[in-house]
C-alpha atoms as a PDB file:
ATOM      1  CA  MET A   1    -101.440-134.072 -26.904  1.00  0.00           C
ATOM      2  CA  SER A   2    -105.189-134.041 -29.476  1.00  0.00           C
ATOM      3  CA  TRP A   3    -108.715-135.345 -28.440  1.00  0.00           C
ATOM      4  CA  LEU A   4    -107.850-138.366 -31.009  1.00  0.00           C
ATOM      5  CA  GLY A   5    -104.894-138.943 -29.741  1.00  0.00           C
ATOM      6  CA  ARG A   6    -106.047-139.531 -26.132  1.00  0.00           C
ATOM      7  CA  LEU A   7    -108.828-141.360 -27.521  1.00  0.00           C
ATOM      8  CA  LEU A   8    -106.454-143.838 -29.515  1.00  0.00           C
ATOM      9  CA  GLY A   9    -104.526-144.220 -25.714  1.00  0.00           C
ATOM     10  CA  ARG A  10    -101.692-142.552 -26.917  1.00  0.00           C
ATOM     11  CA  SER A  11     -98.662-141.153 -23.989  1.00  0.00           C
ATOM     12  CA  GLY A  12     -99.240-137.717 -22.859  1.00  0.00           C
ATOM     13  CA  ALA A  13     -95.248-137.135 -23.777  1.00  0.00           C
ATOM     14  CA  ALA A  14     -95.013-133.940 -25.923  1.00  0.00           C
ATOM     15  CA  SER A  15     -93.012-134.348 -28.890  1.00  0.00           C
ATOM     16  CA  ALA A  16     -91.763-132.265 -32.029  1.00  0.00           C
ATOM     17  CA  ALA A  17     -90.746-133.044 -35.148  1.00  0.00           C
ATOM     18  CA  VAL A  18     -87.492-130.662 -35.989  1.00  0.00           C
ATOM     19  CA  VAL A  19     -84.622-131.073 -39.046  1.00  0.00           C
ATOM     20  CA  ILE A  20     -81.219-131.366 -38.131  1.00  0.00           C
ATOM     21  CA  PRO A  21     -78.752-130.455 -40.442  1.00  0.00           C
ATOM     22  CA  ASP A  22     -76.479-133.370 -40.961  1.00  0.00           C
ATOM     23  CA  ASP A  23     -72.879-131.940 -40.119  1.00  0.00           C
ATOM     24  CA  LEU A  24     -74.832-130.808 -36.687  1.00  0.00           C
ATOM     25  CA  ALA A  25     -76.089-134.781 -36.628  1.00  0.00           C
ATOM     26  CA  ALA A  26     -72.360-136.123 -36.931  1.00  0.00           C
ATOM     27  CA  GLU A  27     -70.967-133.796 -34.746  1.00  0.00           C
ATOM     28  CA  LEU A  28     -73.564-134.309 -32.086  1.00  0.00           C
ATOM     29  CA  THR A  29     -73.823-138.367 -32.799  1.00  0.00           C
ATOM     30  CA  ALA A  30     -69.482-138.518 -32.561  1.00  0.00           C
ATOM     31  CA  GLN A  31     -69.702-140.033 -29.317  1.00  0.00           C
ATOM     32  CA  GLY A  32     -71.832-142.625 -30.550  1.00  0.00           C
ATOM     33  CA  ALA A  33     -75.413-141.590 -28.566  1.00  0.00           C
ATOM     34  CA  PRO A  34     -78.396-141.569 -30.158  1.00  0.00           C
ATOM     35  CA  LEU A  35     -79.366-138.604 -31.668  1.00  0.00           C
ATOM     36  CA  HIS A  36     -81.942-138.191 -29.555  1.00  0.00           C
ATOM     37  CA  ASP A  37     -80.441-138.761 -26.225  1.00  0.00           C
ATOM     38  CA  ALA A  38     -77.224-136.411 -28.015  1.00  0.00           C
ATOM     39  CA  VAL A  39     -80.007-133.098 -28.997  1.00  0.00           C
ATOM     40  CA  VAL A  40     -81.534-133.551 -25.570  1.00  0.00           C
ATOM     41  CA  GLY A  41     -78.396-133.109 -23.862  1.00  0.00           C
ATOM     42  CA  ALA A  42     -76.659-130.645 -25.445  1.00  0.00           C
ATOM     43  CA  LEU A  43     -79.982-128.633 -25.320  1.00  0.00           C
ATOM     44  CA  ARG A  44     -80.196-129.134 -21.533  1.00  0.00           C
ATOM     45  CA  ASP A  45     -76.052-128.024 -21.167  1.00  0.00           C
ATOM     46  CA  GLN A  46     -77.256-125.027 -23.304  1.00  0.00           C
ATOM     47  CA  LEU A  47     -79.965-123.657 -20.518  1.00  0.00           C
ATOM     48  CA  ALA A  48     -77.761-124.804 -17.688  1.00  0.00           C
ATOM     49  CA  ALA A  49     -75.021-122.303 -19.597  1.00  0.00           C
ATOM     50  CA  ARG A  50     -77.392-119.547 -19.328  1.00  0.00           C
ATOM     51  CA  ARG A  51     -78.847-119.846 -16.109  1.00  0.00           C
ATOM     52  CA  ARG A  52     -75.308-119.797 -14.384  1.00  0.00           C
ATOM     53  CA  GLU A  53     -74.169-117.088 -17.085  1.00  0.00           C
ATOM     54  CA  ALA A  54     -77.265-115.351 -15.661  1.00  0.00           C
ATOM     55  CA  GLY A  55     -76.686-116.189 -12.238  1.00  0.00           C
ATOM     56  CA  ARG A  56     -72.936-114.878 -12.778  1.00  0.00           C
ATOM     57  CA  ALA A  57     -74.395-111.293 -14.397  1.00  0.00           C
ATOM     58  CA  ALA A  58     -76.936-111.190 -11.332  1.00  0.00           C
ATOM     59  CA  GLU A  59     -73.521-111.109  -9.048  1.00  0.00           C
ATOM     60  CA  ASP A  60     -71.523-109.060 -10.858  1.00  0.00           C
ATOM     61  CA  GLY A  61     -74.743-106.355 -10.864  1.00  0.00           C
ATOM     62  CA  ARG A  62     -74.421-106.533 -14.660  1.00  0.00           C
ATOM     63  CA  VAL A  63     -78.033-106.544 -16.512  1.00  0.00           C
ATOM     64  CA  PRO A  64     -78.850-108.228 -19.883  1.00  0.00           C
ATOM     65  CA  PHE A  65     -78.128-105.841 -22.852  1.00  0.00           C
ATOM     66  CA  TRP A  66     -81.868-105.230 -24.053  1.00  0.00           C
ATOM     67  CA  LEU A  67     -81.818-103.911 -20.547  1.00  0.00           C
ATOM     68  CA  THR A  68     -78.749-101.402 -19.940  1.00  0.00           C
ATOM     69  CA  ARG A  69     -78.844 -97.689 -20.871  1.00  0.00           C
ATOM     70  CA  ASP A  70     -76.364 -95.421 -21.996  1.00  0.00           C
ATOM     71  CA  ASP A  71     -75.254 -93.639 -19.079  1.00  0.00           C
ATOM     72  CA  GLY A  72     -75.731 -90.009 -21.434  1.00  0.00           C
ATOM     73  CA  GLU A  73     -79.183 -91.154 -21.905  1.00  0.00           C
ATOM     74  CA  ARG A  74     -80.230 -91.614 -18.686  1.00  0.00           C
ATOM     75  CA  ASP A  75     -78.692 -88.590 -17.235  1.00  0.00           C
ATOM     76  CA  ASP A  76     -80.802 -86.507 -20.499  1.00  0.00           C
ATOM     77  CA  ILE A  77     -84.061 -87.953 -19.270  1.00  0.00           C
ATOM     78  CA  GLU A  78     -83.245 -86.895 -15.686  1.00  0.00           C
ATOM     79  CA  SER A  79     -82.151 -83.321 -16.515  1.00  0.00           C
ATOM     80  CA  GLU A  80     -85.379 -82.711 -18.693  1.00  0.00           C
ATOM     81  CA  LEU A  81     -87.374 -84.306 -15.962  1.00  0.00           C
ATOM     82  CA  ARG A  82     -85.870 -81.919 -13.782  1.00  0.00           C
ATOM     83  CA  ASP A  83     -86.064 -78.836 -15.702  1.00  0.00           C
ATOM     84  CA  ARG A  84     -89.951 -79.739 -16.050  1.00  0.00           C
ATOM     85  CA  ILE A  85     -90.820 -79.733 -12.611  1.00  0.00           C
ATOM     86  CA  ALA A  86     -89.020 -76.903 -12.082  1.00  0.00           C
ATOM     87  CA  GLN A  87     -91.002 -75.027 -15.173  1.00  0.00           C
ATOM     88  CA  ARG A  88     -94.000 -76.306 -13.933  1.00  0.00           C
ATOM     89  CA  ARG A  89     -93.530 -75.214  -9.726  1.00  0.00           C
ATOM     90  CA  ALA A  90     -92.806 -71.758 -11.504  1.00  0.00           C
ATOM     91  CA  GLU A  91     -95.894 -71.749 -13.550  1.00  0.00           C
ATOM     92  CA  GLU A  92     -97.801 -72.425 -10.627  1.00  0.00           C
ATOM     93  CA  GLU A  93     -96.179 -69.871  -8.561  1.00  0.00           C
ATOM     94  CA  ALA A  94     -96.690 -67.131 -11.022  1.00  0.00           C
ATOM     95  CA  ALA A  95    -100.394 -68.472 -11.351  1.00  0.00           C
ATOM     96  CA  GLU A  96    -101.097 -68.369  -7.371  1.00  0.00           C
ATOM     97  CA  ALA A  97     -98.430 -64.599  -7.475  1.00  0.00           C
ATOM     98  CA  ALA A  98    -101.260 -62.839 -10.135  1.00  0.00           C
ATOM     99  CA  PRO A  99    -104.304 -61.091  -9.487  1.00  0.00           C
ATOM    100  CA  LYS A 100    -107.292 -63.211 -10.334  1.00  0.00           C
ATOM    101  CA  ARG A 101    -109.966 -61.911 -12.349  1.00  0.00           C
ATOM    102  CA  ARG A 102    -113.181 -62.600 -12.819  1.00  0.00           C
ATOM    103  CA  GLY A 103    -114.969 -62.127 -16.509  1.00  0.00           C
ATOM    104  CA  ARG A 104    -114.213 -62.731 -19.771  1.00  0.00           C
ATOM    105  CA  THR A 105    -112.734 -58.623 -20.747  1.00  0.00           C
ATOM    106  CA  PRO A 106    -109.659 -57.434 -19.217  1.00  0.00           C
ATOM    107  CA  ARG A 107    -110.014 -54.153 -17.291  1.00  0.00           C
ATOM    108  CA  ARG A 108    -110.163 -50.628 -18.387  1.00  0.00           C
ATOM    109  CA  ASP A 109    -107.970 -48.178 -17.277  1.00  0.00           C
ATOM    110  CA  PRO A 110    -110.505 -45.111 -16.316  1.00  0.00           C
ATOM    111  CA  ASP A 111    -107.704 -42.791 -17.400  1.00  0.00           C
ATOM    112  CA  SER A 112    -108.108 -44.383 -20.684  1.00  0.00           C
ATOM    113  CA  ALA A 113    -108.754 -42.258 -24.418  1.00  0.00           C
ATOM    114  CA  GLU A 114    -110.009 -45.605 -25.334  1.00  0.00           C
ATOM    115  CA  HIS A 115    -113.901 -46.067 -25.158  1.00  0.00           C
END
């Protein structure tokens, strides 16, 4: 609520103005309920249905579509990660096995003709 509303003593109940098409309004009020009550009831029913569906999905082990992955994509990622780990370990082992050189110039072979 705005500061002006508080100053004038308006209630703290939040409200929003929404334009509802005539065909939906007619369907919502077909049972004789006021439009406000019918809209609130329809929204509550919709939210309850979503909660029930989410509960059933959790019990069945299903995941919402935006969280699912294709099994093939998952396998590709895992195999790529395994390959990278194996490659890194091989490089580390090769680096440990190689003789360490000091300085920047390569060793020269004394029997070599190049000087």
